[in-house]
Structures are given as C-alpha cells and as structure tokens.
C-alpha cells in the first residue's frame, strides 16, 4: 500500500540507467543464490514494466526488511540500485577484458578457459561467457558462409567474407574494451541470434 507521506521522488519516471542498474542488482542476487530462478523472473518482469521509481522499488520488496519510515522516504538498501551513483569500478575488469582478447591467442578456447577458472557469478565469468557465445556464433557463421560459397553460383561471398571478418574483429575489440571499463555491454549480434551456450548471468 502506498504511504500518504510518500517521498515525491518515488513518483518520478524510471530512467534507462535506473532500470539497467536494477536488472544488474537482481542478476547479482540470483547469482549469489538469494533468490530463485522463478523469483528472479517475476522480479525482473516488475523491473521491465515499472513506470515510476515506486513501481521499480516494488521489485525489491522482501529481499530486505523495509521499515515504514524508509518506505516513505525511499531510503533503504533495496532502493540503492535506483539512487546510488553508477560505478564502473567492477571487480575483475582486467581479467574480464582478457577473456575477450584471449581469442586472438587461444581462439574460442580462450574465453572458455577464463569461464572455467572464474568464480560463479563474478564479472569475469559473465564476460567470459559473453565472449565465448559471440565467438561460437561467429565460428558457426563463418562455417555456414564457407559451405554456401561452394553451393551458390555467384561471387557474392568475395565481399561478404571480408565484411564478416571486419565485423568480427570490431565487435571482439569493443567487447573487450567495454569489459575493461566495467560496463555491462550487450553485443548486438545477440539481439539477432539468441544463442547462449554459456549462461551470461
């Protein structure tokens, strides 16, 4: 029930940054085992559909004890993803970046190795999973293109292969750079080809 003394800021519309931080907060809670997969799905649905800060905050109720006074003011631990300044000081940024760049030395086995050696739920493990999934998609795409080039009676692949190569190189570098900055960057290829051999959360 909404308090009669609800803080005015809780009626403000949710920003993209606040929604992203809320999603990341829930992902961390799920990775640490504080909420079940079913509960994570329910709460993430609340985050996605929230229009105001109060509605966004409701996705965190039950994770911590919320005093009535804190509800009215909007200042309790569950609200932190919405009101704290965004930080890029992710633990393990260097290792996460190396997980992406390791493909240049160990091919697809580089990200896989970093994933296996990283702690479950950690930032490096998430980025290693992202790197591996992207490299897996790229590898399958190159193989498929090579097969089609022997079937299609045109020279279209003479310029498609170079474009694919440039795209692979640029996205691999961007992924590594974003990881070094501690950002939760989403590779645009994943929005088209939703393959997730390794869990990215």
C-alpha atoms as a PDB file:
ATOM      1  CA  UNK A   1       0.000   0.000   0.000  1.00  0.00           C
ATOM      2  CA  UNK A   2       1.331   3.445  -0.879  1.00  0.00           C
ATOM      3  CA  UNK A   3       2.180   5.689   2.060  1.00  0.00           C
ATOM      4  CA  UNK A   4       0.356   9.034   2.399  1.00  0.00           C
ATOM      5  CA  UNK A   5       3.781  10.571   3.079  1.00  0.00           C
ATOM      6  CA  UNK A   6       5.477   9.002   0.093  1.00  0.00           C
ATOM      7  CA  UNK A   7       8.578  10.850  -0.998  1.00  0.00           C
ATOM      8  CA  UNK A   8       7.911  12.894  -4.190  1.00  0.00           C
ATOM      9  CA  UNK A   9      10.923  11.380  -5.960  1.00  0.00           C
ATOM     10  CA  UNK A  10       9.211   7.979  -5.962  1.00  0.00           C
ATOM     11  CA  UNK A  11       6.657   9.323  -8.452  1.00  0.00           C
ATOM     12  CA  UNK A  12       9.369  10.247 -10.946  1.00  0.00           C
ATOM     13  CA  UNK A  13       9.594   8.184 -14.157  1.00  0.00           C
ATOM     14  CA  UNK A  14      12.190   5.435 -14.341  1.00  0.00           C
ATOM     15  CA  UNK A  15      15.284   6.176 -16.436  1.00  0.00           C
ATOM     16  CA  UNK A  16      17.124   3.640 -18.595  1.00  0.00           C
ATOM     17  CA  UNK A  17      20.156   3.784 -16.266  1.00  0.00           C
ATOM     18  CA  UNK A  18      17.995   3.085 -13.204  1.00  0.00           C
ATOM     19  CA  UNK A  19      16.320   0.161 -14.930  1.00  0.00           C
ATOM     20  CA  UNK A  20      19.695  -1.259 -16.051  1.00  0.00           C
ATOM     21  CA  UNK A  21      21.117  -0.968 -12.527  1.00  0.00           C
ATOM     22  CA  UNK A  22      18.016  -2.624 -11.079  1.00  0.00           C
ATOM     23  CA  UNK A  23      18.368  -5.523 -13.530  1.00  0.00           C
ATOM     24  CA  UNK A  24      22.046  -5.907 -12.634  1.00  0.00           C
ATOM     25  CA  UNK A  25      21.216  -5.850  -8.900  1.00  0.00           C
ATOM     26  CA  UNK A  26      18.700  -8.671  -9.346  1.00  0.00           C
ATOM     27  CA  UNK A  27      21.125 -10.648 -11.520  1.00  0.00           C
ATOM     28  CA  UNK A  28      23.715 -10.443  -8.734  1.00  0.00           C
ATOM     29  CA  UNK A  29      21.119 -11.539  -6.159  1.00  0.00           C
ATOM     30  CA  UNK A  30      20.211 -14.523  -8.350  1.00  0.00           C
ATOM     31  CA  UNK A  31      23.871 -15.440  -8.964  1.00  0.00           C
ATOM     32  CA  UNK A  32      24.515 -15.351  -5.207  1.00  0.00           C
ATOM     33  CA  UNK A  33      21.561 -17.632  -4.539  1.00  0.00           C
ATOM     34  CA  UNK A  34      19.483 -15.067  -2.630  1.00  0.00           C
ATOM     35  CA  UNK A  35      16.517 -15.506  -4.968  1.00  0.00           C
ATOM     36  CA  UNK A  36      15.293 -18.488  -7.002  1.00  0.00           C
ATOM     37  CA  UNK A  37      15.044 -18.545 -10.791  1.00  0.00           C
ATOM     38  CA  UNK A  38      11.254 -18.261 -10.587  1.00  0.00           C
ATOM     39  CA  UNK A  39      11.512 -15.297  -8.223  1.00  0.00           C
ATOM     40  CA  UNK A  40      14.140 -13.687 -10.454  1.00  0.00           C
ATOM     41  CA  UNK A  41      11.821 -13.976 -13.473  1.00  0.00           C
ATOM     42  CA  UNK A  42       8.948 -12.415 -11.524  1.00  0.00           C
ATOM     43  CA  UNK A  43      11.009  -9.533 -10.155  1.00  0.00           C
ATOM     44  CA  UNK A  44      12.756  -8.810 -13.467  1.00  0.00           C
ATOM     45  CA  UNK A  45       9.296  -8.599 -15.022  1.00  0.00           C
ATOM     46  CA  UNK A  46       8.375  -5.941 -12.466  1.00  0.00           C
ATOM     47  CA  UNK A  47      11.541  -4.011 -13.304  1.00  0.00           C
ATOM     48  CA  UNK A  48      10.850  -4.101 -17.043  1.00  0.00           C
ATOM     49  CA  UNK A  49       7.227  -2.979 -16.673  1.00  0.00           C
ATOM     50  CA  UNK A  50       7.853  -0.326 -13.982  1.00  0.00           C
ATOM     51  CA  UNK A  51       6.946   3.226 -14.960  1.00  0.00           C
ATOM     52  CA  UNK A  52       7.817   5.058 -11.721  1.00  0.00           C
ATOM     53  CA  UNK A  53      10.517   4.646  -9.099  1.00  0.00           C
ATOM     54  CA  UNK A  54       7.960   3.369  -6.603  1.00  0.00           C
ATOM     55  CA  UNK A  55       6.921   0.616  -9.033  1.00  0.00           C
ATOM     56  CA  UNK A  56      10.581  -0.172  -9.691  1.00  0.00           C
ATOM     57  CA  UNK A  57      11.275  -0.389  -5.958  1.00  0.00           C
ATOM     58  CA  UNK A  58       8.492  -2.934  -5.521  1.00  0.00           C
ATOM     59  CA  UNK A  59      10.651  -5.453  -7.366  1.00  0.00           C
ATOM     60  CA  UNK A  60      12.987  -5.457  -4.327  1.00  0.00           C
ATOM     61  CA  UNK A  61      10.442  -5.812  -1.529  1.00  0.00           C
ATOM     62  CA  UNK A  62      11.043  -8.937   0.522  1.00  0.00           C
ATOM     63  CA  UNK A  63      14.776  -9.071  -0.169  1.00  0.00           C
ATOM     64  CA  UNK A  64      15.385  -6.919   2.919  1.00  0.00           C
ATOM     65  CA  UNK A  65      13.290  -5.714   5.851  1.00  0.00           C
ATOM     66  CA  UNK A  66      11.722  -2.381   4.913  1.00  0.00           C
ATOM     67  CA  UNK A  67      10.658  -0.092   7.800  1.00  0.00           C
ATOM     68  CA  UNK A  68       7.586   2.089   7.140  1.00  0.00           C
ATOM     69  CA  UNK A  69       9.624   5.265   7.537  1.00  0.00           C
ATOM     70  CA  UNK A  70      12.100   4.064   4.902  1.00  0.00           C
ATOM     71  CA  UNK A  71       9.243   3.262   2.529  1.00  0.00           C
ATOM     72  CA  UNK A  72       8.009   6.827   2.795  1.00  0.00           C
ATOM     73  CA  UNK A  73      11.437   8.343   2.203  1.00  0.00           C
ATOM     74  CA  UNK A  74      12.667   5.809  -0.299  1.00  0.00           C
ATOM     75  CA  UNK A  75      15.966   5.261   1.505  1.00  0.00           C
ATOM     76  CA  UNK A  76      16.594   1.613   2.322  1.00  0.00           C
ATOM     77  CA  UNK A  77      19.008  -0.962   0.849  1.00  0.00           C
ATOM     78  CA  UNK A  78      16.521  -2.213  -1.731  1.00  0.00           C
ATOM     79  CA  UNK A  79      16.379   1.273  -3.260  1.00  0.00           C
ATOM     80  CA  UNK A  80      20.132   1.513  -3.722  1.00  0.00           C
ATOM     81  CA  UNK A  81      20.155   0.426  -7.390  1.00  0.00           C
ATOM     82  CA  UNK A  82      17.930   3.432  -8.113  1.00  0.00           C
ATOM     83  CA  UNK A  83      19.561   6.184  -6.055  1.00  0.00           C
ATOM     84  CA  UNK A  84      23.260   5.357  -5.802  1.00  0.00           C
ATOM     85  CA  UNK A  85      25.627   6.810  -8.436  1.00  0.00           C
ATOM     86  CA  UNK A  86      26.544   4.347 -11.150  1.00  0.00           C
ATOM     87  CA  UNK A  87      30.026   2.966 -10.720  1.00  0.00           C
ATOM     88  CA  UNK A  88      32.370   1.451 -13.223  1.00  0.00           C
ATOM     89  CA  UNK A  89      34.668   0.018 -10.554  1.00  0.00           C
ATOM     90  CA  UNK A  90      33.805  -3.576 -11.325  1.00  0.00           C
ATOM     91  CA  UNK A  91      35.978  -6.160  -9.618  1.00  0.00           C
ATOM     92  CA  UNK A  92      37.954  -8.184 -12.130  1.00  0.00           C
ATOM     93  CA  UNK A  93      37.713  -5.766 -15.057  1.00  0.00           C
ATOM     94  CA  UNK A  94      41.208  -6.651 -16.263  1.00  0.00           C
ATOM     95  CA  UNK A  95      40.516 -10.379 -16.269  1.00  0.00           C
ATOM     96  CA  UNK A  96      37.169  -9.768 -17.983  1.00  0.00           C
ATOM     97  CA  UNK A  97      38.881  -7.804 -20.736  1.00  0.00           C
ATOM     98  CA  UNK A  98      41.469 -10.540 -21.205  1.00  0.00           C
ATOM     99  CA  UNK A  99      38.677 -13.086 -21.561  1.00  0.00           C
ATOM    100  CA  UNK A 100      37.528 -11.228 -24.673  1.00  0.00           C
ATOM    101  CA  UNK A 101      41.006 -10.595 -26.100  1.00  0.00           C
ATOM    102  CA  UNK A 102      42.205 -14.152 -25.399  1.00  0.00           C
ATOM    103  CA  UNK A 103      40.520 -15.237 -28.621  1.00  0.00           C
ATOM    104  CA  UNK A 104      43.420 -13.691 -30.527  1.00  0.00           C
ATOM    105  CA  UNK A 105      45.801 -16.161 -28.868  1.00  0.00           C
ATOM    106  CA  UNK A 106      43.729 -19.218 -27.955  1.00  0.00           C
ATOM    107  CA  UNK A 107      40.791 -18.873 -30.361  1.00  0.00           C
ATOM    108  CA  UNK A 108      37.453 -19.945 -28.873  1.00  0.00           C
ATOM    109  CA  UNK A 109      39.211 -21.887 -26.111  1.00  0.00           C
ATOM    110  CA  UNK A 110      40.475 -18.645 -24.514  1.00  0.00           C
ATOM    111  CA  UNK A 111      37.098 -17.377 -23.267  1.00  0.00           C
ATOM    112  CA  UNK A 112      36.159 -20.943 -22.320  1.00  0.00           C
ATOM    113  CA  UNK A 113      39.273 -21.217 -20.153  1.00  0.00           C
ATOM    114  CA  UNK A 114      38.557 -17.911 -18.398  1.00  0.00           C
ATOM    115  CA  UNK A 115      34.972 -19.014 -17.806  1.00  0.00           C
ATOM    116  CA  UNK A 116      36.099 -22.283 -16.206  1.00  0.00           C
ATOM    117  CA  UNK A 117      38.647 -20.556 -13.944  1.00  0.00           C
ATOM    118  CA  UNK A 118      36.412 -17.652 -12.813  1.00  0.00           C
ATOM    119  CA  UNK A 119      34.172 -17.689  -9.762  1.00  0.00           C
ATOM    120  CA  UNK A 120      30.484 -18.328 -10.433  1.00  0.00           C
ATOM    121  CA  UNK A 121      28.503 -15.088 -10.587  1.00  0.00           C
ATOM    122  CA  UNK A 122      31.618 -12.929 -10.913  1.00  0.00           C
ATOM    123  CA  UNK A 123      32.051 -10.207 -13.524  1.00  0.00           C
ATOM    124  CA  UNK A 124      34.940 -12.003 -15.315  1.00  0.00           C
ATOM    125  CA  UNK A 125      32.847 -15.182 -15.604  1.00  0.00           C
ATOM    126  CA  UNK A 126      29.903 -13.272 -17.100  1.00  0.00           C
ATOM    127  CA  UNK A 127      32.155 -11.535 -19.631  1.00  0.00           C
ATOM    128  CA  UNK A 128      33.932 -14.790 -20.482  1.00  0.00           C
ATOM    129  CA  UNK A 129      30.520 -16.314 -21.220  1.00  0.00           C
ATOM    130  CA  UNK A 130      29.636 -13.354 -23.455  1.00  0.00           C
ATOM    131  CA  UNK A 131      32.948 -13.670 -25.289  1.00  0.00           C
ATOM    132  CA  UNK A 132      32.571 -17.420 -25.787  1.00  0.00           C
ATOM    133  CA  UNK A 133      28.983 -17.157 -27.020  1.00  0.00           C
ATOM    134  CA  UNK A 134      29.893 -14.467 -29.534  1.00  0.00           C
ATOM    135  CA  UNK A 135      32.898 -16.420 -30.809  1.00  0.00           C
ATOM    136  CA  UNK A 136      30.743 -19.552 -31.117  1.00  0.00           C
ATOM    137  CA  UNK A 137      28.168 -17.654 -33.185  1.00  0.00           C
ATOM    138  CA  UNK A 138      30.959 -16.189 -35.327  1.00  0.00           C
ATOM    139  CA  UNK A 139      32.577 -19.566 -35.917  1.00  0.00           C
ATOM    140  CA  UNK A 140      29.289 -21.186 -36.973  1.00  0.00           C
ATOM    141  CA  UNK A 141      28.510 -18.202 -39.229  1.00  0.00           C
ATOM    142  CA  UNK A 142      31.886 -18.432 -40.993  1.00  0.00           C
ATOM    143  CA  UNK A 143      31.479 -22.190 -41.497  1.00  0.00           C
ATOM    144  CA  UNK A 144      27.957 -21.724 -42.882  1.00  0.00           C
ATOM    145  CA  UNK A 145      29.164 -18.982 -45.221  1.00  0.00           C
ATOM    146  CA  UNK A 146      32.029 -21.178 -46.436  1.00  0.00           C
ATOM    147  CA  UNK A 147      29.618 -24.023 -47.215  1.00  0.00           C
ATOM    148  CA  UNK A 148      27.223 -21.694 -49.033  1.00  0.00           C
ATOM    149  CA  UNK A 149      30.056 -20.206 -51.069  1.00  0.00           C
ATOM    150  CA  UNK A 150      30.558 -23.643 -52.653  1.00  0.00           C
ATOM    151  CA  UNK A 151      26.846 -24.011 -53.390  1.00  0.00           C
ATOM    152  CA  UNK A 152      25.747 -20.568 -54.569  1.00  0.00           C
ATOM    153  CA  UNK A 153      26.920 -19.959 -58.157  1.00  0.00           C
ATOM    154  CA  UNK A 154      27.756 -16.307 -57.577  1.00  0.00           C
ATOM    155  CA  UNK A 155      30.757 -14.325 -56.360  1.00  0.00           C
ATOM    156  CA  UNK A 156      28.741 -12.654 -53.603  1.00  0.00           C
ATOM    157  CA  UNK A 157      30.905 -14.196 -50.887  1.00  0.00           C
ATOM    158  CA  UNK A 158      34.006 -12.485 -52.289  1.00  0.00           C
ATOM    159  CA  UNK A 159      32.907  -9.346 -50.471  1.00  0.00           C
ATOM    160  CA  UNK A 160      30.768 -10.916 -47.718  1.00  0.00           C
ATOM    161  CA  UNK A 161      33.738 -12.723 -46.134  1.00  0.00           C
ATOM    162  CA  UNK A 162      35.815  -9.532 -45.697  1.00  0.00           C
ATOM    163  CA  UNK A 163      32.796  -7.726 -44.172  1.00  0.00           C
ATOM    164  CA  UNK A 164      32.220 -10.603 -41.765  1.00  0.00           C
ATOM    165  CA  UNK A 165      35.879 -10.541 -40.793  1.00  0.00           C
ATOM    166  CA  UNK A 166      35.863  -6.807 -40.104  1.00  0.00           C
ATOM    167  CA  UNK A 167      32.634  -7.099 -38.119  1.00  0.00           C
ATOM    168  CA  UNK A 168      34.066  -9.944 -36.032  1.00  0.00           C
ATOM    169  CA  UNK A 169      37.263  -8.002 -35.296  1.00  0.00           C
ATOM    170  CA  UNK A 170      35.478  -4.760 -34.378  1.00  0.00           C
ATOM    171  CA  UNK A 171      32.899  -6.415 -32.098  1.00  0.00           C
ATOM    172  CA  UNK A 172      35.572  -8.513 -30.383  1.00  0.00           C
ATOM    173  CA  UNK A 173      37.642  -5.413 -29.625  1.00  0.00           C
ATOM    174  CA  UNK A 174      34.614  -3.421 -28.469  1.00  0.00           C
ATOM    175  CA  UNK A 175      33.559  -6.262 -26.176  1.00  0.00           C
ATOM    176  CA  UNK A 176      36.997  -6.376 -24.579  1.00  0.00           C
ATOM    177  CA  UNK A 177      37.188  -2.587 -24.243  1.00  0.00           C
ATOM    178  CA  UNK A 178      33.764  -2.395 -22.604  1.00  0.00           C
ATOM    179  CA  UNK A 179      34.736  -5.177 -20.185  1.00  0.00           C
ATOM    180  CA  UNK A 180      37.897  -3.279 -19.223  1.00  0.00           C
ATOM    181  CA  UNK A 181      35.686  -0.278 -18.426  1.00  0.00           C
ATOM    182  CA  UNK A 182      33.418  -2.412 -16.245  1.00  0.00           C
ATOM    183  CA  UNK A 183      30.374  -1.953 -18.478  1.00  0.00           C
ATOM    184  CA  UNK A 184      27.601  -4.483 -18.987  1.00  0.00           C
ATOM    185  CA  UNK A 185      27.711  -4.171 -22.784  1.00  0.00           C
ATOM    186  CA  UNK A 186      25.370  -6.281 -24.900  1.00  0.00           C
ATOM    187  CA  UNK A 187      26.744  -7.476 -28.221  1.00  0.00           C
ATOM    188  CA  UNK A 188      24.252  -6.501 -30.969  1.00  0.00           C
ATOM    189  CA  UNK A 189      24.698  -9.923 -32.598  1.00  0.00           C
ATOM    190  CA  UNK A 190      22.950 -11.499 -29.589  1.00  0.00           C
ATOM    191  CA  UNK A 191      19.788  -9.487 -30.304  1.00  0.00           C
ATOM    192  CA  UNK A 192      19.570 -11.213 -33.705  1.00  0.00           C
ATOM    193  CA  UNK A 193      20.973 -14.668 -32.940  1.00  0.00           C
ATOM    194  CA  UNK A 194      19.917 -15.614 -29.413  1.00  0.00           C
ATOM    195  CA  UNK A 195      22.458 -18.342 -28.729  1.00  0.00           C
ATOM    196  CA  UNK A 196      23.690 -18.746 -25.162  1.00  0.00           C
ATOM    197  CA  UNK A 197      25.818 -21.855 -24.821  1.00  0.00           C
ATOM    198  CA  UNK A 198      27.209 -20.464 -21.552  1.00  0.00           C
ATOM    199  CA  UNK A 199      24.970 -18.573 -19.140  1.00  0.00           C
ATOM    200  CA  UNK A 200      25.801 -14.864 -19.115  1.00  0.00           C
ATOM    201  CA  UNK A 201      24.402 -14.090 -15.663  1.00  0.00           C
END
